[in-house]
PDB file of N, CA and C in Angstrom:
ATOM      1  N   MET A   1      16.840 -45.211-110.526  1.00  0.00           N
ATOM      2  CA  MET A   1      15.813 -44.770-111.431  1.00  0.00           C
ATOM      3  C   MET A   1      14.787 -43.956-110.647  1.00  0.00           C
ATOM      4  N   THR A   2      14.364 -42.860-111.202  1.00  0.00           N
ATOM      5  CA  THR A   2      13.329 -42.033-110.598  1.00  0.00           C
ATOM      6  C   THR A   2      11.970 -42.618-110.940  1.00  0.00           C
ATOM      7  N   ASN A   3      11.083 -42.687-109.951  1.00  0.00           N
ATOM      8  CA  ASN A   3       9.740 -43.207-110.160  1.00  0.00           C
ATOM      9  C   ASN A   3       8.741 -42.057-110.031  1.00  0.00           C
ATOM     10  N   PRO A   4       8.148 -41.598-111.140  1.00  0.00           N
ATOM     11  CA  PRO A   4       7.209 -40.479-111.073  1.00  0.00           C
ATOM     12  C   PRO A   4       5.909 -40.824-110.362  1.00  0.00           C
ATOM     13  N   PHE A   5       5.654 -42.108-110.108  1.00  0.00           N
ATOM     14  CA  PHE A   5       4.436 -42.535-109.422  1.00  0.00           C
ATOM     15  C   PHE A   5       4.609 -42.568-107.909  1.00  0.00           C
ATOM     16  N   ALA A   6       5.828 -42.530-107.438  1.00  0.00           N
ATOM     17  CA  ALA A   6       6.085 -42.607-105.998  1.00  0.00           C
ATOM     18  C   ALA A   6       5.501 -41.384-105.289  1.00  0.00           C
ATOM     19  N   ASN A   7       4.857 -41.625-104.157  1.00  0.00           N
ATOM     20  CA  ASN A   7       4.305 -40.557-103.316  1.00  0.00           C
ATOM     21  C   ASN A   7       3.334 -39.648-104.060  1.00  0.00           C
ATOM     22  N   ARG A   8       2.614 -40.193-105.009  1.00  0.00           N
ATOM     23  CA  ARG A   8       1.667 -39.394-105.786  1.00  0.00           C
ATOM     24  C   ARG A   8       0.298 -40.046-105.742  1.00  0.00           C
ATOM     25  N   ALA A   9      -0.710 -39.257-105.454  1.00  0.00           N
ATOM     26  CA  ALA A   9      -2.079 -39.778-105.486  1.00  0.00           C
ATOM     27  C   ALA A   9      -2.460 -40.051-106.934  1.00  0.00           C
ATOM     28  N   MET A  10      -3.066 -41.198-107.163  1.00  0.00           N
ATOM     29  CA  MET A  10      -3.465 -41.547-108.519  1.00  0.00           C
ATOM     30  C   MET A  10      -4.773 -40.832-108.873  1.00  0.00           C
ATOM     31  N   HIS A  11      -4.852 -40.332-110.082  1.00  0.00           N
ATOM     32  CA  HIS A  11      -6.038 -39.646-110.579  1.00  0.00           C
ATOM     33  C   HIS A  11      -6.629 -40.451-111.726  1.00  0.00           C
ATOM     34  N   LEU A  12      -7.939 -40.478-111.816  1.00  0.00           N
ATOM     35  CA  LEU A  12      -8.576 -41.206-112.903  1.00  0.00           C
ATOM     36  C   LEU A  12      -8.233 -40.614-114.260  1.00  0.00           C
ATOM     37  N   SER A  13      -7.925 -39.343-114.321  1.00  0.00           N
ATOM     38  CA  SER A  13      -7.597 -38.704-115.593  1.00  0.00           C
ATOM     39  C   SER A  13      -6.111 -38.823-115.934  1.00  0.00           C
ATOM     40  N   GLY A  14      -5.328 -39.308-114.992  1.00  0.00           N
ATOM     41  CA  GLY A  14      -3.893 -39.428-115.217  1.00  0.00           C
ATOM     42  C   GLY A  14      -3.544 -40.748-115.880  1.00  0.00           C
ATOM     43  N   PRO A  15      -2.259 -41.018-116.021  1.00  0.00           N
ATOM     44  CA  PRO A  15      -1.864 -42.262-116.670  1.00  0.00           C
ATOM     45  C   PRO A  15      -2.208 -43.478-115.802  1.00  0.00           C
ATOM     46  N   ALA A  16      -2.523 -44.570-116.469  1.00  0.00           N
ATOM     47  CA  ALA A  16      -2.756 -45.825-115.758  1.00  0.00           C
ATOM     48  C   ALA A  16      -1.428 -46.314-115.184  1.00  0.00           C
ATOM     49  N   ARG A  17      -1.516 -47.066-114.104  1.00  0.00           N
ATOM     50  CA  ARG A  17      -0.311 -47.640-113.512  1.00  0.00           C
ATOM     51  C   ARG A  17       0.046 -48.968-114.148  1.00  0.00           C
ATOM     52  N   ASP A  18      -0.947 -49.606-114.763  1.00  0.00           N
ATOM     53  CA  ASP A  18      -0.707 -50.903-115.386  1.00  0.00           C
ATOM     54  C   ASP A  18      -1.787 -51.162-116.429  1.00  0.00           C
ATOM     55  N   ILE A  19      -1.519 -52.111-117.282  1.00  0.00           N
ATOM     56  CA  ILE A  19      -2.483 -52.563-118.277  1.00  0.00           C
ATOM     57  C   ILE A  19      -2.386 -54.083-118.293  1.00  0.00           C
ATOM     58  N   GLU A  20      -3.549 -54.755-118.316  1.00  0.00           N
ATOM     59  CA  GLU A  20      -3.508 -56.215-118.330  1.00  0.00           C
ATOM     60  C   GLU A  20      -4.531 -56.756-119.318  1.00  0.00           C
ATOM     61  N   PRO A  21      -4.230 -57.915-119.903  1.00  0.00           N
ATOM     62  CA  PRO A  21      -5.173 -58.503-120.849  1.00  0.00           C
ATOM     63  C   PRO A  21      -6.454 -58.943-120.155  1.00  0.00           C
ATOM     64  N   VAL A  22      -7.552 -58.883-120.886  1.00  0.00           N
ATOM     65  CA  VAL A  22      -8.863 -59.266-120.358  1.00  0.00           C
ATOM     66  C   VAL A  22      -9.382 -60.450-121.170  1.00  0.00           C
ATOM     67  N   THR A  23      -9.790 -61.493-120.474  1.00  0.00           N
ATOM     68  CA  THR A  23     -10.491 -62.606-121.094  1.00  0.00           C
ATOM     69  C   THR A  23     -11.964 -62.456-120.739  1.00  0.00           C
ATOM     70  N   PRO A  24     -12.813 -62.200-121.730  1.00  0.00           N
ATOM     71  CA  PRO A  24     -14.240 -62.057-121.432  1.00  0.00           C
ATOM     72  C   PRO A  24     -14.763 -63.293-120.695  1.00  0.00           C
ATOM     73  N   ASN A  25     -15.604 -63.039-119.678  1.00  0.00           N
ATOM     74  CA  ASN A  25     -16.091 -64.111-118.813  1.00  0.00           C
ATOM     75  C   ASN A  25     -17.482 -63.727-118.325  1.00  0.00           C
ATOM     76  N   ASP A  26     -18.418 -64.656-118.439  1.00  0.00           N
ATOM     77  CA  ASP A  26     -19.795 -64.365-118.024  1.00  0.00           C
ATOM     78  C   ASP A  26     -20.013 -64.450-116.525  1.00  0.00           C
ATOM     79  N   SER A  27     -19.101 -65.091-115.784  1.00  0.00           N
ATOM     80  CA  SER A  27     -19.342 -65.275-114.348  1.00  0.00           C
ATOM     81  C   SER A  27     -18.360 -64.542-113.445  1.00  0.00           C
ATOM     82  N   ALA A  28     -17.165 -64.263-113.912  1.00  0.00           N
ATOM     83  CA  ALA A  28     -16.158 -63.653-113.036  1.00  0.00           C
ATOM     84  C   ALA A  28     -15.871 -62.203-113.429  1.00  0.00           C
ATOM     85  N   PRO A  29     -15.924 -61.293-112.453  1.00  0.00           N
ATOM     86  CA  PRO A  29     -15.558 -59.898-112.739  1.00  0.00           C
ATOM     87  C   PRO A  29     -14.040 -59.765-112.876  1.00  0.00           C
ATOM     88  N   LEU A  30     -13.607 -58.608-113.324  1.00  0.00           N
ATOM     89  CA  LEU A  30     -12.171 -58.313-113.368  1.00  0.00           C
ATOM     90  C   LEU A  30     -11.629 -58.280-111.943  1.00  0.00           C
ATOM     91  N   ALA A  31     -10.354 -58.561-111.782  1.00  0.00           N
ATOM     92  CA  ALA A  31      -9.742 -58.519-110.452  1.00  0.00           C
ATOM     93  C   ALA A  31      -9.809 -57.108-109.867  1.00  0.00           C
ATOM     94  N   ASP A  32      -9.647 -56.097-110.701  1.00  0.00           N
ATOM     95  CA  ASP A  32      -9.735 -54.689-110.308  1.00  0.00           C
ATOM     96  C   ASP A  32     -10.598 -53.968-111.325  1.00  0.00           C
ATOM     97  N   VAL A  33     -11.345 -52.974-110.887  1.00  0.00           N
ATOM     98  CA  VAL A  33     -12.156 -52.178-111.816  1.00  0.00           C
ATOM     99  C   VAL A  33     -11.216 -51.427-112.750  1.00  0.00           C
ATOM    100  N   ALA A  34     -11.459 -51.559-114.042  1.00  0.00           N
ATOM    101  CA  ALA A  34     -10.659 -50.854-115.044  1.00  0.00           C
ATOM    102  C   ALA A  34     -11.180 -49.431-115.198  1.00  0.00           C
ATOM    103  N   VAL A  35     -10.277 -48.483-115.417  1.00  0.00           N
ATOM    104  CA  VAL A  35     -10.699 -47.104-115.680  1.00  0.00           C
ATOM    105  C   VAL A  35     -10.955 -46.882-117.161  1.00  0.00           C
ATOM    106  N   ALA A  36     -10.507 -47.829-117.987  1.00  0.00           N
ATOM    107  CA  ALA A  36     -10.727 -47.779-119.432  1.00  0.00           C
ATOM    108  C   ALA A  36     -10.377 -49.139-120.004  1.00  0.00           C
ATOM    109  N   LEU A  37     -10.849 -49.395-121.209  1.00  0.00           N
ATOM    110  CA  LEU A  37     -10.464 -50.589-121.951  1.00  0.00           C
ATOM    111  C   LEU A  37      -9.802 -50.176-123.255  1.00  0.00           C
ATOM    112  N   TYR A  38      -8.806 -50.944-123.656  1.00  0.00           N
ATOM    113  CA  TYR A  38      -8.183 -50.791-124.972  1.00  0.00           C
ATOM    114  C   TYR A  38      -8.537 -52.040-125.769  1.00  0.00           C
ATOM    115  N   VAL A  39      -8.991 -51.865-127.010  1.00  0.00           N
ATOM    116  CA  VAL A  39      -9.415 -52.979-127.854  1.00  0.00           C
ATOM    117  C   VAL A  39      -8.589 -52.970-129.138  1.00  0.00           C
ATOM    118  N   GLU A  40      -7.907 -54.089-129.399  1.00  0.00           N
ATOM    119  CA  GLU A  40      -7.090 -54.186-130.606  1.00  0.00           C
ATOM    120  C   GLU A  40      -7.929 -54.482-131.848  1.00  0.00           C
ATOM    121  N   ILE A  41      -8.833 -55.448-131.745  1.00  0.00           N
ATOM    122  CA  ILE A  41      -9.691 -55.830-132.876  1.00  0.00           C
ATOM    123  C   ILE A  41     -11.124 -55.446-132.534  1.00  0.00           C
ATOM    124  N   GLY A  42     -11.672 -54.527-133.292  1.00  0.00           N
ATOM    125  CA  GLY A  42     -12.989 -53.983-132.997  1.00  0.00           C
ATOM    126  C   GLY A  42     -14.109 -54.999-133.112  1.00  0.00           C
ATOM    127  N   GLY A  43     -15.242 -54.619-132.565  1.00  0.00           N
ATOM    128  CA  GLY A  43     -16.438 -55.452-132.549  1.00  0.00           C
ATOM    129  C   GLY A  43     -17.349 -54.970-131.447  1.00  0.00           C
ATOM    130  N   THR A  44     -18.116 -55.875-130.898  1.00  0.00           N
ATOM    131  CA  THR A  44     -19.049 -55.543-129.832  1.00  0.00           C
ATOM    132  C   THR A  44     -18.444 -55.901-128.484  1.00  0.00           C
ATOM    133  N   LEU A  45     -18.678 -55.034-127.502  1.00  0.00           N
ATOM    134  CA  LEU A  45     -18.303 -55.303-126.116  1.00  0.00           C
ATOM    135  C   LEU A  45     -19.562 -55.326-125.277  1.00  0.00           C
ATOM    136  N   SER A  46     -19.714 -56.374-124.500  1.00  0.00           N
ATOM    137  CA  SER A  46     -20.787 -56.430-123.503  1.00  0.00           C
ATOM    138  C   SER A  46     -20.106 -56.296-122.152  1.00  0.00           C
ATOM    139  N   ILE A  47     -20.383 -55.196-121.451  1.00  0.00           N
ATOM    140  CA  ILE A  47     -19.654 -54.892-120.220  1.00  0.00           C
ATOM    141  C   ILE A  47     -20.603 -54.617-119.059  1.00  0.00           C
ATOM    142  N   LEU A  48     -20.070 -54.806-117.867  1.00  0.00           N
ATOM    143  CA  LEU A  48     -20.729 -54.358-116.644  1.00  0.00           C
ATOM    144  C   LEU A  48     -19.953 -53.136-116.181  1.00  0.00           C
ATOM    145  N   THR A  49     -20.607 -51.978-116.151  1.00  0.00           N
ATOM    146  CA  THR A  49     -19.919 -50.743-115.796  1.00  0.00           C
ATOM    147  C   THR A  49     -19.642 -50.678-114.298  1.00  0.00           C
ATOM    148  N   GLU A  50     -18.813 -49.751-113.916  1.00  0.00           N
ATOM    149  CA  GLU A  50     -18.504 -49.532-112.498  1.00  0.00           C
ATOM    150  C   GLU A  50     -19.781 -49.217-111.734  1.00  0.00           C
ATOM    151  N   LYS A  51     -20.719 -48.586-112.371  1.00  0.00           N
ATOM    152  CA  LYS A  51     -21.998 -48.223-111.741  1.00  0.00           C
ATOM    153  C   LYS A  51     -22.948 -49.417-111.613  1.00  0.00           C
ATOM    154  N   GLY A  52     -22.598 -50.551-112.247  1.00  0.00           N
ATOM    155  CA  GLY A  52     -23.422 -51.744-112.130  1.00  0.00           C
ATOM    156  C   GLY A  52     -24.419 -51.954-113.253  1.00  0.00           C
ATOM    157  N   GLN A  53     -24.242 -51.239-114.357  1.00  0.00           N
ATOM    158  CA  GLN A  53     -25.147 -51.344-115.500  1.00  0.00           C
ATOM    159  C   GLN A  53     -24.514 -52.201-116.593  1.00  0.00           C
ATOM    160  N   THR A  54     -25.295 -53.088-117.195  1.00  0.00           N
ATOM    161  CA  THR A  54     -24.817 -53.853-118.343  1.00  0.00           C
ATOM    162  C   THR A  54     -25.039 -53.011-119.592  1.00  0.00           C
ATOM    163  N   ARG A  55     -23.991 -52.850-120.367  1.00  0.00           N
ATOM    164  CA  ARG A  55     -24.041 -52.037-121.594  1.00  0.00           C
ATOM    165  C   ARG A  55     -23.408 -52.817-122.741  1.00  0.00           C
ATOM    166  N   THR A  56     -23.909 -52.583-123.930  1.00  0.00           N
ATOM    167  CA  THR A  56     -23.328 -53.165-125.135  1.00  0.00           C
ATOM    168  C   THR A  56     -22.947 -52.019-126.056  1.00  0.00           C
ATOM    169  N   VAL A  57     -21.683 -52.003-126.445  1.00  0.00           N
ATOM    170  CA  VAL A  57     -21.179 -50.945-127.320  1.00  0.00           C
ATOM    171  C   VAL A  57     -20.370 -51.572-128.443  1.00  0.00           C
ATOM    172  N   THR A  58     -20.332 -50.891-129.561  1.00  0.00           N
ATOM    173  CA  THR A  58     -19.514 -51.320-130.695  1.00  0.00           C
ATOM    174  C   THR A  58     -18.321 -50.386-130.798  1.00  0.00           C
ATOM    175  N   VAL A  59     -17.131 -50.977-130.912  1.00  0.00           N
ATOM    176  CA  VAL A  59     -15.907 -50.184-130.982  1.00  0.00           C
ATOM    177  C   VAL A  59     -15.107 -50.586-132.220  1.00  0.00           C
ATOM    178  N   ALA A  60     -14.301 -49.667-132.704  1.00  0.00           N
ATOM    179  CA  ALA A  60     -13.444 -49.905-133.858  1.00  0.00           C
ATOM    180  C   ALA A  60     -12.118 -50.527-133.417  1.00  0.00           C
ATOM    181  N   ASP A  61     -11.329 -50.961-134.389  1.00  0.00           N
ATOM    182  CA  ASP A  61      -9.975 -51.442-134.096  1.00  0.00           C
ATOM    183  C   ASP A  61      -9.195 -50.351-133.371  1.00  0.00           C
ATOM    184  N   PHE A  62      -8.362 -50.750-132.444  1.00  0.00           N
ATOM    185  CA  PHE A  62      -7.460 -49.867-131.701  1.00  0.00           C
ATOM    186  C   PHE A  62      -8.202 -48.754-130.961  1.00  0.00           C
ATOM    187  N   SER A  63      -9.322 -49.109-130.346  1.00  0.00           N
ATOM    188  CA  SER A  63     -10.142 -48.142-129.609  1.00  0.00           C
ATOM    189  C   SER A  63      -9.804 -48.127-128.130  1.00  0.00           C
ATOM    190  N   ILE A  64      -9.996 -46.969-127.521  1.00  0.00           N
ATOM    191  CA  ILE A  64      -9.956 -46.834-126.073  1.00  0.00           C
ATOM    192  C   ILE A  64     -11.356 -46.432-125.635  1.00  0.00           C
ATOM    193  N   LEU A  65     -11.910 -47.212-124.711  1.00  0.00           N
ATOM    194  CA  LEU A  65     -13.243 -46.938-124.172  1.00  0.00           C
ATOM    195  C   LEU A  65     -13.048 -46.413-122.752  1.00  0.00           C
ATOM    196  N   PRO A  66     -13.156 -45.086-122.551  1.00  0.00           N
ATOM    197  CA  PRO A  66     -12.867 -44.488-121.244  1.00  0.00           C
ATOM    198  C   PRO A  66     -14.050 -44.544-120.283  1.00  0.00           C
ATOM    199  N   VAL A  67     -14.335 -45.746-119.788  1.00  0.00           N
ATOM    200  CA  VAL A  67     -15.435 -45.934-118.843  1.00  0.00           C
ATOM    201  C   VAL A  67     -14.997 -46.972-117.817  1.00  0.00           C
ATOM    202  N   GLY A  68     -15.440 -46.797-116.575  1.00  0.00           N
ATOM    203  CA  GLY A  68     -15.129 -47.768-115.533  1.00  0.00           C
ATOM    204  C   GLY A  68     -15.818 -49.086-115.823  1.00  0.00           C
ATOM    205  N   VAL A  69     -15.052 -50.182-115.813  1.00  0.00           N
ATOM    206  CA  VAL A  69     -15.587 -51.489-116.173  1.00  0.00           C
ATOM    207  C   VAL A  69     -15.267 -52.505-115.080  1.00  0.00           C
ATOM    208  N   ARG A  70     -16.321 -53.180-114.605  1.00  0.00           N
ATOM    209  CA  ARG A  70     -16.165 -54.258-113.611  1.00  0.00           C
ATOM    210  C   ARG A  70     -15.992 -55.617-114.266  1.00  0.00           C
ATOM    211  N   GLN A  71     -16.626 -55.806-115.441  1.00  0.00           N
ATOM    212  CA  GLN A  71     -16.626 -57.125-116.077  1.00  0.00           C
ATOM    213  C   GLN A  71     -16.818 -56.975-117.574  1.00  0.00           C
ATOM    214  N   VAL A  72     -16.164 -57.838-118.337  1.00  0.00           N
ATOM    215  CA  VAL A  72     -16.397 -57.951-119.770  1.00  0.00           C
ATOM    216  C   VAL A  72     -17.026 -59.323-119.983  1.00  0.00           C
ATOM    217  N   HIS A  73     -18.275 -59.330-120.434  1.00  0.00           N
ATOM    218  CA  HIS A  73     -19.002 -60.586-120.627  1.00  0.00           C
ATOM    219  C   HIS A  73     -18.549 -61.284-121.908  1.00  0.00           C
ATOM    220  N   ALA A  74     -18.473 -62.623-121.848  1.00  0.00           N
ATOM    221  CA  ALA A  74     -18.151 -63.410-123.035  1.00  0.00           C
ATOM    222  C   ALA A  74     -19.335 -63.394-124.005  1.00  0.00           C
ATOM    223  N   THR A  75     -20.540 -63.570-123.455  1.00  0.00           N
ATOM    224  CA  THR A  75     -21.744 -63.551-124.281  1.00  0.00           C
ATOM    225  C   THR A  75     -21.987 -62.123-124.763  1.00  0.00           C
ATOM    226  N   GLY A  76     -22.027 -61.959-126.062  1.00  0.00           N
ATOM    227  CA  GLY A  76     -22.268 -60.640-126.633  1.00  0.00           C
ATOM    228  C   GLY A  76     -21.004 -59.876-126.990  1.00  0.00           C
ATOM    229  N   THR A  77     -19.831 -60.401-126.618  1.00  0.00           N
ATOM    230  CA  THR A  77     -18.572 -59.729-126.951  1.00  0.00           C
ATOM    231  C   THR A  77     -17.943 -60.408-128.158  1.00  0.00           C
ATOM    232  N   THR A  78     -17.699 -59.608-129.205  1.00  0.00           N
ATOM    233  CA  THR A  78     -17.020 -60.116-130.399  1.00  0.00           C
ATOM    234  C   THR A  78     -15.654 -59.464-130.583  1.00  0.00           C
ATOM    235  N   ALA A  79     -15.423 -58.346-129.904  1.00  0.00           N
ATOM    236  CA  ALA A  79     -14.124 -57.670-129.977  1.00  0.00           C
ATOM    237  C   ALA A  79     -13.063 -58.565-129.326  1.00  0.00           C
ATOM    238  N   SER A  80     -11.807 -58.365-129.708  1.00  0.00           N
ATOM    239  CA  SER A  80     -10.733 -59.157-129.105  1.00  0.00           C
ATOM    240  C   SER A  80      -9.493 -58.300-128.911  1.00  0.00           C
ATOM    241  N   GLY A  81      -8.527 -58.894-128.234  1.00  0.00           N
ATOM    242  CA  GLY A  81      -7.327 -58.123-127.886  1.00  0.00           C
ATOM    243  C   GLY A  81      -7.692 -57.032-126.895  1.00  0.00           C
ATOM    244  N   ILE A  82      -8.470 -57.387-125.884  1.00  0.00           N
ATOM    245  CA  ILE A  82      -8.986 -56.424-124.916  1.00  0.00           C
ATOM    246  C   ILE A  82      -8.012 -56.313-123.747  1.00  0.00           C
ATOM    247  N   HIS A  83      -7.742 -55.085-123.326  1.00  0.00           N
ATOM    248  CA  HIS A  83      -6.842 -54.832-122.205  1.00  0.00           C
ATOM    249  C   HIS A  83      -7.488 -53.828-121.263  1.00  0.00           C
ATOM    250  N   ALA A  84      -7.289 -54.031-119.962  1.00  0.00           N
ATOM    251  CA  ALA A  84      -7.829 -53.139-118.946  1.00  0.00           C
ATOM    252  C   ALA A  84      -6.756 -52.156-118.493  1.00  0.00           C
ATOM    253  N   PHE A  85      -7.108 -50.875-118.426  1.00  0.00           N
ATOM    254  CA  PHE A  85      -6.230 -49.853-117.850  1.00  0.00           C
ATOM    255  C   PHE A  85      -6.525 -49.819-116.341  1.00  0.00           C
ATOM    256  N   LEU A  86      -5.483 -49.917-115.525  1.00  0.00           N
ATOM    257  CA  LEU A  86      -5.646 -49.975-114.068  1.00  0.00           C
ATOM    258  C   LEU A  86      -4.896 -48.847-113.378  1.00  0.00           C
ATOM    259  N   VAL A  87      -5.492 -48.324-112.317  1.00  0.00           N
ATOM    260  CA  VAL A  87      -4.806 -47.306-111.523  1.00  0.00           C
ATOM    261  C   VAL A  87      -4.462 -47.809-110.124  1.00  0.00           C
ATOM    262  N   SER A  88      -4.970 -48.975-109.733  1.00  0.00           N
ATOM    263  CA  SER A  88      -4.645 -49.475-108.388  1.00  0.00           C
ATOM    264  C   SER A  88      -3.414 -50.339-108.403  1.00  0.00           C
TER     265      SER A  88
END
């Protein structure tokens, strides 16, 4: 099988290498900084951005939020089915 990711530098604008489910947590950050979040059931997201800012945003069902995210807080988050797009 040919692997299009082999020997290629990853770009933030390119495809993610993986996607993993996110459980909102007030004390633990994500294992890796996400380059975007995908949300299945819309609502409010309380996040810590890659820049270190806490932000609260409202998203619709099946939304992609293209922002670097270090943490999704449980307090203030009502959205569910959250997944992190990863490039590492």
